[in-house]
C-alpha atoms as a PDB file:
ATOM      1  CA  UNK A   1       2.208  16.931   8.663  1.00  0.00           C
ATOM      2  CA  UNK A   2       1.570  15.963  12.240  1.00  0.00           C
ATOM      3  CA  UNK A   3       3.833  13.604  14.136  1.00  0.00           C
ATOM      4  CA  UNK A   4       1.467  10.699  13.486  1.00  0.00           C
ATOM      5  CA  UNK A   5       1.345  11.471   9.766  1.00  0.00           C
ATOM      6  CA  UNK A   6       5.146  11.633   9.656  1.00  0.00           C
ATOM      7  CA  UNK A   7       5.400   8.281  11.445  1.00  0.00           C
ATOM      8  CA  UNK A   8       2.815   6.694   9.145  1.00  0.00           C
ATOM      9  CA  UNK A   9       4.531   8.087   6.067  1.00  0.00           C
ATOM     10  CA  UNK A  10       7.953   6.893   7.221  1.00  0.00           C
ATOM     11  CA  UNK A  11       6.512   3.430   7.893  1.00  0.00           C
ATOM     12  CA  UNK A  12       4.816   3.409   4.491  1.00  0.00           C
ATOM     13  CA  UNK A  13       8.091   4.238   2.740  1.00  0.00           C
ATOM     14  CA  UNK A  14       9.788   1.397   4.611  1.00  0.00           C
ATOM     15  CA  UNK A  15       6.997  -1.050   3.731  1.00  0.00           C
ATOM     16  CA  UNK A  16       7.101  -0.065   0.061  1.00  0.00           C
ATOM     17  CA  UNK A  17      10.854  -0.640  -0.001  1.00  0.00           C
ATOM     18  CA  UNK A  18      10.182  -4.177   1.240  1.00  0.00           C
ATOM     19  CA  UNK A  19       7.148  -4.834  -0.943  1.00  0.00           C
ATOM     20  CA  UNK A  20       8.322  -3.517  -4.299  1.00  0.00           C
ATOM     21  CA  UNK A  21      10.951  -6.163  -5.089  1.00  0.00           C
ATOM     22  CA  UNK A  22       8.590  -8.896  -3.866  1.00  0.00           C
ATOM     23  CA  UNK A  23       5.559  -8.036  -5.924  1.00  0.00           C
ATOM     24  CA  UNK A  24       6.745  -6.457  -9.154  1.00  0.00           C
ATOM     25  CA  UNK A  25       7.781  -9.784 -10.703  1.00  0.00           C
ATOM     26  CA  UNK A  26       4.413 -11.339  -9.767  1.00  0.00           C
ATOM     27  CA  UNK A  27       1.597 -11.970 -12.197  1.00  0.00           C
ATOM     28  CA  UNK A  28      -1.709 -10.211 -11.374  1.00  0.00           C
ATOM     29  CA  UNK A  29      -3.264 -13.357  -9.887  1.00  0.00           C
ATOM     30  CA  UNK A  30      -0.218 -13.820  -7.656  1.00  0.00           C
ATOM     31  CA  UNK A  31      -0.442 -10.172  -6.587  1.00  0.00           C
ATOM     32  CA  UNK A  32      -4.087 -10.660  -5.558  1.00  0.00           C
ATOM     33  CA  UNK A  33      -3.112 -13.607  -3.355  1.00  0.00           C
ATOM     34  CA  UNK A  34      -0.233 -11.609  -1.886  1.00  0.00           C
ATOM     35  CA  UNK A  35      -2.567  -8.693  -1.150  1.00  0.00           C
ATOM     36  CA  UNK A  36      -5.011 -10.967   0.625  1.00  0.00           C
ATOM     37  CA  UNK A  37      -2.505 -12.982   2.635  1.00  0.00           C
ATOM     38  CA  UNK A  38       0.598 -10.891   3.281  1.00  0.00           C
ATOM     39  CA  UNK A  39       0.933  -9.075   6.607  1.00  0.00           C
ATOM     40  CA  UNK A  40       3.064  -6.541   4.733  1.00  0.00           C
ATOM     41  CA  UNK A  41       0.216  -5.824   2.323  1.00  0.00           C
ATOM     42  CA  UNK A  42      -2.258  -5.596   5.191  1.00  0.00           C
ATOM     43  CA  UNK A  43      -0.127  -2.986   6.907  1.00  0.00           C
ATOM     44  CA  UNK A  44       0.114  -0.936   3.695  1.00  0.00           C
ATOM     45  CA  UNK A  45      -3.675  -1.147   3.322  1.00  0.00           C
ATOM     46  CA  UNK A  46      -4.087  -0.007   6.917  1.00  0.00           C
ATOM     47  CA  UNK A  47      -1.944   3.067   6.336  1.00  0.00           C
ATOM     48  CA  UNK A  48      -3.811   3.839   3.113  1.00  0.00           C
ATOM     49  CA  UNK A  49      -7.100   3.603   4.999  1.00  0.00           C
ATOM     50  CA  UNK A  50      -5.883   6.311   7.384  1.00  0.00           C
ATOM     51  CA  UNK A  51      -4.077   8.343   4.711  1.00  0.00           C
ATOM     52  CA  UNK A  52      -5.595   7.965   1.225  1.00  0.00           C
ATOM     53  CA  UNK A  53      -3.488  10.959   0.191  1.00  0.00           C
ATOM     54  CA  UNK A  54      -0.504   8.569   0.113  1.00  0.00           C
ATOM     55  CA  UNK A  55      -2.063   6.471  -2.643  1.00  0.00           C
ATOM     56  CA  UNK A  56      -0.219   8.284  -5.460  1.00  0.00           C
ATOM     57  CA  UNK A  57       3.084   7.428  -3.813  1.00  0.00           C
ATOM     58  CA  UNK A  58       2.050   3.785  -3.470  1.00  0.00           C
ATOM     59  CA  UNK A  59       0.876   3.748  -7.091  1.00  0.00           C
ATOM     60  CA  UNK A  60       4.244   5.131  -8.238  1.00  0.00           C
ATOM     61  CA  UNK A  61       6.069   2.371  -6.364  1.00  0.00           C
ATOM     62  CA  UNK A  62       3.963  -0.707  -7.120  1.00  0.00           C
ATOM     63  CA  UNK A  63       1.263   0.226  -9.618  1.00  0.00           C
ATOM     64  CA  UNK A  64      -2.458  -0.056  -9.058  1.00  0.00           C
ATOM     65  CA  UNK A  65      -2.465  -3.237  -6.988  1.00  0.00           C
ATOM     66  CA  UNK A  66      -3.794  -1.266  -4.010  1.00  0.00           C
ATOM     67  CA  UNK A  67      -6.565   0.406  -6.037  1.00  0.00           C
ATOM     68  CA  UNK A  68      -9.238  -1.422  -4.026  1.00  0.00           C
ATOM     69  CA  UNK A  69      -7.773  -0.041  -0.805  1.00  0.00           C
ATOM     70  CA  UNK A  70      -7.968   3.463  -2.250  1.00  0.00           C
ATOM     71  CA  UNK A  71     -11.583   2.984  -3.280  1.00  0.00           C
ATOM     72  CA  UNK A  72     -12.528   1.723   0.185  1.00  0.00           C
ATOM     73  CA  UNK A  73     -10.750   4.621   1.858  1.00  0.00           C
ATOM     74  CA  UNK A  74     -12.635   7.082  -0.330  1.00  0.00           C
ATOM     75  CA  UNK A  75     -15.942   5.328   0.327  1.00  0.00           C
ATOM     76  CA  UNK A  76     -16.516   4.301  -3.272  1.00  0.00           C
END
């Protein structure tokens, strides 16, 4: 990993630590609102856009709520 990748990965881990307890108790419709409106979610999406290889780690932490971000990053 390059220095930028290490920094992005470290930031992603930190963001997931913040996001996981917030979103796991949410219903799917609440998660969609959170994804659309939360600066925390936007930052996670931004990192996933640059590093789609991190998606599996995000999926393991919070499930498939960021699936749309993965699809966009892969151009699907």
